[in-house]
Amino acid sequence: MVKHIVSFKLRGSAEERKAAAEAFRDALLALPEQIEVLKSMEVGINENPAEDWDVVLTAVVPTMEDVAVYAKHPAHVAAASIVAPLKESRSCVDYYVAD
């Protein structure tokens, strides 16, 4: 299995960032029912005002190739479009874990 971990730093007011992060979270959490290769999805919204990053997701897929399948899926593209206008930075780590 592959864990795909992505963090986002958004721009805008605290209220704008939180609203976008919540809408993004809701869209992401619906993806396992829509994308066959997506085995699980976890999303966290930062609650610590001393930190700069706003939202993190952890997706689990069977193979590294499935990361690309997930990323290109129309439901994922639609979810990503929620934060695209506010996205300041994005970081990502993909790594294999034992099944």
C-alpha atoms as a PDB file:
ATOM      1  CA  MET A   1       0.000   0.000   0.000  1.00  0.00           C
ATOM      2  CA  VAL A   2       1.020   3.594  -0.592  1.00  0.00           C
ATOM      3  CA  LYS A   3       0.301   6.468   1.760  1.00  0.00           C
ATOM      4  CA  HIS A   4      -0.131   9.754  -0.070  1.00  0.00           C
ATOM      5  CA  ILE A   5       0.172  12.629   2.408  1.00  0.00           C
ATOM      6  CA  VAL A   6      -0.456  16.180   1.236  1.00  0.00           C
ATOM      7  CA  SER A   7      -0.438  19.445   3.209  1.00  0.00           C
ATOM      8  CA  PHE A   8      -1.845  22.746   2.032  1.00  0.00           C
ATOM      9  CA  LYS A   9      -1.151  26.301   3.100  1.00  0.00           C
ATOM     10  CA  LEU A  10      -3.945  28.599   2.002  1.00  0.00           C
ATOM     11  CA  ARG A  11      -4.088  32.368   1.639  1.00  0.00           C
ATOM     12  CA  GLY A  12      -6.920  34.638   2.676  1.00  0.00           C
ATOM     13  CA  SER A  13      -8.533  35.494   5.986  1.00  0.00           C
ATOM     14  CA  ALA A  14      -8.781  32.881   8.715  1.00  0.00           C
ATOM     15  CA  GLU A  15     -12.495  32.570   7.962  1.00  0.00           C
ATOM     16  CA  GLU A  16     -11.915  32.108   4.216  1.00  0.00           C
ATOM     17  CA  ARG A  17      -9.200  29.507   4.802  1.00  0.00           C
ATOM     18  CA  LYS A  18     -11.327  27.576   7.302  1.00  0.00           C
ATOM     19  CA  ALA A  19     -14.392  27.581   5.036  1.00  0.00           C
ATOM     20  CA  ALA A  20     -12.340  26.356   2.076  1.00  0.00           C
ATOM     21  CA  ALA A  21     -10.624  23.702   4.215  1.00  0.00           C
ATOM     22  CA  GLU A  22     -13.982  22.426   5.498  1.00  0.00           C
ATOM     23  CA  ALA A  23     -15.500  22.228   2.010  1.00  0.00           C
ATOM     24  CA  PHE A  24     -12.338  20.519   0.744  1.00  0.00           C
ATOM     25  CA  ARG A  25     -12.450  18.042   3.638  1.00  0.00           C
ATOM     26  CA  ASP A  26     -16.062  17.160   2.934  1.00  0.00           C
ATOM     27  CA  ALA A  27     -15.348  16.588  -0.768  1.00  0.00           C
ATOM     28  CA  LEU A  28     -12.257  14.491  -0.030  1.00  0.00           C
ATOM     29  CA  LEU A  29     -14.037  12.298   2.506  1.00  0.00           C
ATOM     30  CA  ALA A  30     -16.591  11.376  -0.179  1.00  0.00           C
ATOM     31  CA  LEU A  31     -13.904  10.152  -2.589  1.00  0.00           C
ATOM     32  CA  PRO A  32     -13.420   6.548  -1.372  1.00  0.00           C
ATOM     33  CA  GLU A  33     -16.965   5.789  -2.556  1.00  0.00           C
ATOM     34  CA  GLN A  34     -16.190   7.300  -5.965  1.00  0.00           C
ATOM     35  CA  ILE A  35     -12.633   6.169  -6.735  1.00  0.00           C
ATOM     36  CA  GLU A  36     -12.091   2.404  -6.756  1.00  0.00           C
ATOM     37  CA  VAL A  37      -8.330   2.479  -6.043  1.00  0.00           C
ATOM     38  CA  LEU A  38      -8.770   4.784  -3.038  1.00  0.00           C
ATOM     39  CA  LYS A  39      -8.831   2.515   0.009  1.00  0.00           C
ATOM     40  CA  SER A  40      -9.090   5.242   2.654  1.00  0.00           C
ATOM     41  CA  MET A  41      -9.007   8.999   3.156  1.00  0.00           C
ATOM     42  CA  GLU A  42      -8.287  10.979   6.303  1.00  0.00           C
ATOM     43  CA  VAL A  43      -8.386  14.781   6.415  1.00  0.00           C
ATOM     44  CA  GLY A  44      -7.291  17.115   9.200  1.00  0.00           C
ATOM     45  CA  ILE A  45      -7.855  20.838   9.517  1.00  0.00           C
ATOM     46  CA  ASN A  46      -5.259  22.663  11.587  1.00  0.00           C
ATOM     47  CA  GLU A  47      -6.614  23.903  14.916  1.00  0.00           C
ATOM     48  CA  ASN A  48      -3.329  25.436  16.117  1.00  0.00           C
ATOM     49  CA  PRO A  49      -3.197  29.168  15.269  1.00  0.00           C
ATOM     50  CA  ALA A  50       0.565  29.181  15.890  1.00  0.00           C
ATOM     51  CA  GLU A  51       1.084  26.957  12.820  1.00  0.00           C
ATOM     52  CA  ASP A  52       1.040  28.080   9.184  1.00  0.00           C
ATOM     53  CA  TRP A  53      -0.406  25.059   7.328  1.00  0.00           C
ATOM     54  CA  ASP A  54      -4.171  24.727   7.034  1.00  0.00           C
ATOM     55  CA  VAL A  55      -5.148  21.227   5.966  1.00  0.00           C
ATOM     56  CA  VAL A  56      -3.578  17.795   5.550  1.00  0.00           C
ATOM     57  CA  LEU A  57      -4.862  14.666   3.862  1.00  0.00           C
ATOM     58  CA  THR A  58      -3.747  11.058   3.996  1.00  0.00           C
ATOM     59  CA  ALA A  59      -4.948   8.843   1.161  1.00  0.00           C
ATOM     60  CA  VAL A  60      -4.163   5.139   0.909  1.00  0.00           C
ATOM     61  CA  VAL A  61      -3.976   3.355  -2.448  1.00  0.00           C
ATOM     62  CA  PRO A  62      -2.515  -0.043  -3.439  1.00  0.00           C
ATOM     63  CA  THR A  63       0.354   1.098  -5.713  1.00  0.00           C
ATOM     64  CA  MET A  64       2.323   4.189  -6.683  1.00  0.00           C
ATOM     65  CA  GLU A  65       0.609   4.011 -10.093  1.00  0.00           C
ATOM     66  CA  ASP A  66      -2.727   4.302  -8.278  1.00  0.00           C
ATOM     67  CA  VAL A  67      -1.649   7.673  -6.876  1.00  0.00           C
ATOM     68  CA  ALA A  68      -1.801   8.951 -10.461  1.00  0.00           C
ATOM     69  CA  VAL A  69      -5.169   7.231 -11.060  1.00  0.00           C
ATOM     70  CA  TYR A  70      -6.538   8.930  -7.929  1.00  0.00           C
ATOM     71  CA  ALA A  71      -5.026  12.311  -8.838  1.00  0.00           C
ATOM     72  CA  LYS A  72      -6.530  12.328 -12.352  1.00  0.00           C
ATOM     73  CA  HIS A  73      -9.975  11.074 -11.361  1.00  0.00           C
ATOM     74  CA  PRO A  74     -12.670  13.704 -12.107  1.00  0.00           C
ATOM     75  CA  ALA A  75     -14.028  13.548  -8.539  1.00  0.00           C
ATOM     76  CA  HIS A  76     -10.559  14.313  -7.141  1.00  0.00           C
ATOM     77  CA  VAL A  77     -10.010  17.100  -9.670  1.00  0.00           C
ATOM     78  CA  ALA A  78     -13.321  18.641  -8.594  1.00  0.00           C
ATOM     79  CA  ALA A  79     -12.360  18.398  -4.910  1.00  0.00           C
ATOM     80  CA  ALA A  80      -8.954  19.985  -5.569  1.00  0.00           C
ATOM     81  CA  SER A  81     -10.631  22.882  -7.383  1.00  0.00           C
ATOM     82  CA  ILE A  82     -12.201  23.925  -4.066  1.00  0.00           C
ATOM     83  CA  VAL A  83      -8.859  25.054  -2.619  1.00  0.00           C
ATOM     84  CA  ALA A  84      -7.071  25.894  -5.876  1.00  0.00           C
ATOM     85  CA  PRO A  85      -7.932  29.634  -5.779  1.00  0.00           C
ATOM     86  CA  LEU A  86      -6.563  29.962  -2.231  1.00  0.00           C
ATOM     87  CA  LYS A  87      -3.602  27.567  -2.471  1.00  0.00           C
ATOM     88  CA  GLU A  88      -0.372  29.248  -1.430  1.00  0.00           C
ATOM     89  CA  SER A  89       1.748  26.119  -0.980  1.00  0.00           C
ATOM     90  CA  ARG A  90       1.422  22.348  -1.254  1.00  0.00           C
ATOM     91  CA  SER A  91       3.731  19.628   0.021  1.00  0.00           C
ATOM     92  CA  CYS A  92       3.477  15.917  -0.650  1.00  0.00           C
ATOM     93  CA  VAL A  93       5.090  12.666   0.470  1.00  0.00           C
ATOM     94  CA  ASP A  94       4.237   9.261  -1.022  1.00  0.00           C
ATOM     95  CA  TYR A  95       5.647   6.131   0.599  1.00  0.00           C
ATOM     96  CA  TYR A  96       5.044   2.396   0.744  1.00  0.00           C
ATOM     97  CA  VAL A  97       3.697   0.739   3.900  1.00  0.00           C
ATOM     98  CA  ALA A  98       3.182  -2.948   4.658  1.00  0.00           C
ATOM     99  CA  ASP A  99      -0.284  -4.270   3.849  1.00  0.00           C
END
